[in-house]
Protein backbone atom coordinates (compact mmCIF):
# COMPACT_ATOMS: atom_id res chain seq x y z
CA MET A 1 67.18 -2.66 -15.31
CA ARG A 2 69.60 -4.53 -12.79
CA LYS A 3 66.36 -4.07 -10.56
CA LEU A 4 63.94 -5.42 -12.95
CA VAL A 5 66.43 -8.41 -13.63
CA ILE A 6 66.46 -9.00 -9.69
CA ALA A 7 62.96 -8.75 -9.31
CA ALA A 8 62.69 -11.14 -12.22
CA LEU A 9 64.85 -13.90 -10.42
CA ALA A 10 63.36 -13.46 -6.85
CA SER A 11 59.67 -13.94 -8.20
CA THR A 12 61.22 -16.76 -10.21
CA VAL A 13 62.72 -18.94 -7.12
CA LEU A 14 59.77 -17.63 -4.95
CA ALA A 15 57.51 -19.51 -7.78
CA GLY A 16 59.62 -22.43 -8.05
CA PRO A 17 58.29 -24.92 -4.86
CA GLY A 18 54.66 -24.45 -6.32
CA PHE A 19 55.72 -24.87 -9.53
CA ALA A 20 57.53 -28.13 -8.78
CA ALA A 21 54.76 -29.58 -6.42
CA ASP A 22 52.13 -29.31 -8.96
CA VAL A 23 54.29 -31.07 -11.89
CA LEU A 24 55.02 -33.24 -8.87
CA GLN A 25 52.02 -34.06 -7.61
CA PRO A 26 51.01 -37.81 -8.42
CA THR A 27 47.88 -38.37 -11.20
CA LYS A 28 44.94 -39.81 -9.93
CA VAL A 29 43.67 -42.94 -11.60
CA PRO A 30 39.80 -42.47 -12.45
CA VAL A 31 38.10 -45.30 -10.52
CA TYR A 32 35.78 -47.57 -12.23
CA ALA A 33 32.54 -49.32 -11.25
CA PRO A 34 33.47 -53.29 -10.83
CA VAL A 35 31.58 -54.80 -13.66
CA THR A 36 28.34 -57.39 -12.34
CA PRO A 37 28.14 -60.45 -13.27
CA CYS A 38 24.96 -62.03 -14.51
CA THR A 39 23.50 -63.91 -10.84
CA PRO A 40 20.50 -64.97 -9.76
CA GLN A 41 17.55 -62.43 -9.44
CA ASN A 42 20.21 -59.63 -10.69
CA CYS A 43 20.84 -60.16 -14.72
CA SER A 44 19.80 -57.02 -16.53
CA GLY A 45 21.63 -55.39 -19.86
CA TRP A 46 22.45 -55.93 -23.17
CA TYR A 47 22.88 -59.60 -24.22
CA ALA A 48 23.19 -61.96 -27.81
CA ASN A 49 21.94 -65.55 -27.99
CA PHE A 50 22.28 -68.53 -30.19
CA GLY A 51 19.06 -70.75 -30.40
CA LEU A 52 17.98 -74.34 -31.71
CA LEU A 53 14.78 -74.28 -32.62
CA ASN A 54 11.82 -77.21 -33.50
CA GLN A 55 8.86 -76.10 -35.17
CA ASN A 56 5.73 -78.56 -35.07
CA ALA A 57 2.47 -77.78 -36.95
CA ASN A 58 -0.53 -77.74 -34.69
CA ILE A 59 0.79 -80.60 -32.54
CA ILE A 60 -1.81 -79.33 -29.57
CA SER A 61 -4.74 -79.99 -31.23
CA SER A 62 -3.59 -82.71 -33.74
CA GLY A 63 -0.75 -84.51 -31.63
CA LEU A 64 2.30 -86.21 -33.23
CA SER A 65 0.61 -86.98 -36.47
CA GLY A 66 0.48 -83.25 -37.05
CA ALA A 67 4.33 -83.07 -36.25
CA THR A 68 6.32 -81.91 -39.21
CA ASN A 69 9.76 -81.54 -37.34
CA ASP A 70 11.37 -78.14 -38.99
CA PHE A 71 14.48 -77.78 -36.75
CA GLY A 72 16.34 -74.81 -37.35
CA VAL A 73 18.74 -72.33 -36.08
CA MET A 74 18.20 -68.95 -34.63
CA LEU A 75 20.43 -65.77 -33.59
CA GLY A 76 19.78 -63.10 -32.22
CA GLY A 77 19.97 -60.48 -28.87
CA GLY A 78 18.06 -58.30 -26.57
CA TYR A 79 17.78 -55.99 -23.72
CA GLN A 80 16.23 -57.07 -20.41
CA LEU A 81 15.57 -55.72 -16.53
CA TRP A 82 16.27 -58.80 -14.43
CA GLN A 83 15.92 -57.52 -10.77
CA GLY A 84 14.69 -59.45 -8.07
CA PRO A 85 11.77 -61.47 -9.19
CA VAL A 86 10.58 -59.18 -12.03
CA LEU A 87 11.89 -59.61 -15.59
CA ALA A 88 10.87 -57.44 -18.37
CA GLY A 89 12.73 -57.33 -21.99
CA ILE A 90 13.09 -57.19 -25.06
CA ARG A 91 14.36 -59.84 -27.61
CA LEU A 92 14.85 -60.13 -31.49
CA ASN A 93 15.77 -63.03 -33.62
CA GLY A 94 16.70 -64.22 -36.79
CA GLY A 95 16.89 -67.68 -38.34
CA TYR A 96 16.28 -70.04 -41.18
CA GLU A 97 14.56 -73.52 -40.61
CA PHE A 98 15.70 -76.99 -42.15
CA SER A 99 13.10 -79.46 -42.91
CA SER A 100 12.68 -82.78 -42.32
CA GLN A 101 10.59 -86.02 -42.07
CA GLY A 102 8.25 -84.71 -45.03
CA ALA A 103 7.64 -81.26 -44.23
CA SER A 104 6.53 -79.39 -46.85
CA GLU A 105 5.28 -76.15 -46.38
CA PRO A 106 5.53 -73.65 -49.40
CA GLY A 107 7.78 -70.36 -48.59
CA SER A 108 10.91 -68.86 -47.15
CA LYS A 109 12.61 -70.35 -44.93
CA PHE A 110 13.94 -67.81 -43.04
CA LEU A 111 12.37 -66.95 -39.69
CA GLY A 112 12.08 -64.21 -37.07
CA THR A 113 10.46 -62.65 -33.73
CA ALA A 114 10.49 -59.19 -32.10
CA LEU A 115 9.02 -60.03 -28.91
CA VAL A 116 8.21 -58.29 -25.49
CA GLN A 117 8.77 -60.53 -22.30
CA LEU A 118 7.27 -59.78 -19.06
CA GLY A 119 7.82 -62.62 -16.11
CA TYR A 120 7.98 -62.81 -12.33
CA ASN A 121 9.48 -65.28 -10.25
CA PHE A 122 7.18 -66.84 -6.88
CA PHE A 123 10.56 -68.60 -5.64
CA PRO A 124 12.78 -65.66 -5.58
CA SER A 125 16.32 -66.13 -3.49
CA SER A 126 19.23 -63.99 -3.40
CA ALA A 127 21.15 -66.97 -1.81
CA SER A 128 23.67 -68.92 -3.67
CA ALA A 129 26.60 -70.34 -3.62
CA PRO A 130 29.95 -70.50 -6.21
CA THR A 131 30.11 -73.92 -8.01
CA THR A 132 33.35 -76.27 -6.75
CA PRO A 133 35.62 -77.21 -10.55
CA GLY A 134 34.42 -80.40 -9.56
CA GLN A 135 30.91 -79.32 -10.46
CA SER A 136 30.85 -77.15 -13.39
CA PRO A 137 34.32 -75.73 -15.74
CA LEU A 138 32.39 -72.56 -15.24
CA GLN A 139 32.09 -70.22 -12.70
CA GLY A 140 28.34 -71.12 -11.99
CA PHE A 141 26.28 -70.96 -8.75
CA VAL A 142 23.97 -73.33 -6.82
CA PRO A 143 20.58 -71.13 -6.06
CA ALA A 144 19.10 -71.90 -2.69
CA ASN A 145 16.44 -73.70 -4.28
CA LEU A 146 15.23 -75.51 -7.78
CA LEU A 147 13.17 -72.38 -8.89
CA ALA A 148 15.36 -70.08 -7.35
CA ALA A 149 17.17 -69.09 -10.73
CA SER A 150 14.66 -69.35 -12.85
CA THR A 151 12.19 -66.75 -13.85
CA PRO A 152 9.01 -68.07 -16.02
CA TYR A 153 8.00 -65.32 -18.27
CA ILE A 154 5.77 -64.59 -21.13
CA ASN A 155 6.04 -63.48 -24.32
CA ALA A 156 3.80 -61.27 -27.29
CA GLY A 157 5.13 -59.44 -30.38
CA GLY A 158 5.23 -60.02 -34.06
CA CYS A 159 6.89 -63.38 -36.18
CA LEU A 160 8.02 -63.79 -39.65
CA ARG A 161 7.47 -67.03 -41.00
CA HIS A 162 7.22 -68.38 -45.03
CA GLY A 163 7.44 -64.58 -45.92
CA ILE A 164 4.57 -63.68 -43.51
CA VAL A 165 4.29 -61.29 -40.64
CA GLN A 166 2.05 -61.88 -37.97
CA GLY A 167 1.29 -61.22 -34.24
CA CYS A 168 2.48 -64.45 -32.26
CA ALA A 169 2.81 -65.40 -28.50
CA GLY A 170 3.80 -67.60 -26.29
CA ALA A 171 5.73 -68.26 -22.78
CA GLY A 172 9.16 -69.52 -21.44
CA VAL A 173 11.90 -69.20 -19.05
CA GLN A 174 15.17 -68.64 -18.35
CA THR A 175 17.40 -69.61 -15.73
CA VAL A 176 21.14 -68.80 -14.88
CA VAL A 177 23.48 -71.55 -15.27
CA ALA A 178 27.01 -69.48 -14.85
CA SER A 179 28.63 -65.74 -14.32
CA SER A 180 27.64 -63.79 -17.08
CA TRP A 181 25.52 -66.97 -18.67
CA SER A 182 22.44 -67.58 -18.62
CA ALA A 183 19.15 -70.19 -20.93
CA ALA A 184 16.16 -69.98 -22.00
CA PHE A 185 13.39 -72.23 -23.19
CA ASP A 186 10.83 -70.34 -25.17
CA TYR A 187 7.35 -71.64 -26.98
CA ILE A 188 5.88 -69.48 -29.31
CA ASN A 189 2.46 -69.98 -31.33
CA MET A 190 1.90 -68.83 -34.55
CA PRO A 191 -1.84 -68.68 -35.50
CA SER A 192 -2.85 -69.85 -39.13
CA GLN A 193 -2.73 -66.72 -42.01
CA LYS A 194 -2.88 -66.61 -45.31
CA GLY A 195 -3.08 -70.42 -45.71
CA GLN A 196 -0.29 -71.53 -43.37
CA PRO A 197 -1.21 -73.79 -40.62
CA ASP A 198 -1.08 -72.63 -37.17
CA SER A 199 1.88 -73.75 -35.88
CA GLN A 200 4.11 -74.25 -32.68
CA VAL A 201 7.78 -73.17 -32.40
CA PHE A 202 9.94 -74.32 -29.41
CA MET A 203 13.39 -72.54 -28.69
CA LEU A 204 16.34 -73.69 -26.61
CA SER A 205 18.68 -70.47 -25.89
CA ALA A 206 22.33 -70.13 -24.54
CA LEU A 207 22.34 -65.83 -23.99
CA LYS A 208 25.65 -64.17 -23.23
CA HIS A 209 25.15 -61.08 -21.14
CA PHE A 210 27.41 -58.21 -21.20
């Protein structure tokens, strides 16, 4: 019995340093990849957007006399791949039109769009410099040339207007204005459908990238 007790004590003493080393070994802190801000020619990922819109009934063929001046707001978001000169993505928006200046088109004033975007920048450049506090209160970028941070694109998909779902298409341009922020200007044509006139929608949006 005494031999068993001595053997047990010896094994505990011998195992003690190794056990202590395991306990006292510092825990490794996981290393996370740094978040890449939205920069010119590198702005991929999810985003949310807020936009102001102006809907004009067929000003292309009728001129300013065909304008109805339906102003509204839109909220939405989407996902895009913007690497180098190539931009591709999808954006979903929902909004409401506030009629003014005699606009009297019937139906719901809710407006929705689901658009696929595909664009290419013919003047790409990765060179940029951070803005100074005197230039902007936000952390922004000064592109190498005026068009380096902007990519034009075409868009196409489905639109909901005055309670009618229809196909629509147009074009736009997106510009990086600050770290994790960009701005977009879109033109969308909604053709005549079920008694509704052909109309044009112009939208200016601010995009917050995540």
